[in-house]
């Protein structure tokens, strides 16, 4: 997830800890069941260019969300919903411009000009509990999210 915020990478990582209710481990990752989250600076020039294109301005942090599909249901489904809610809450909390992507070719969520845009191809956005956990203005779009 490309992030453009006034917050540093360390502050982004710290903001995730209470949202996920889990500590940063010795590898610098936050792990909750089948979900693993890693926050880093944008270091590679190619990533910098890709994120510049996605956000329209340089990204300040990169968040890698990894879901272990081998854990099976219900942990896999719970991890997808947890990622969706946490990414959206983090964007609002940091007042950040973000683009959460699936393999850099499909947008899952964007936050631009203070509004969350949720792409309906990602089924978790239609779960009532996920929608109830969203804060700030948001809209569900039928746009296919191609980047």
Foldseek 3Di string as FASTA:
>chain_A
DFKAFPDAQVVLLVVLCVLLVADQDPVRWTDDQQKIKHKDAPDDPVSQVLSCVVQVHGGRMDMDIGGDCVSDPPSRVVSLLSVLLSVQVSCLVRVIWDFDADVSFFTQWTADPFEIEGEVVSPSCVDPVSVVSHDGHYDYDPPRRTD
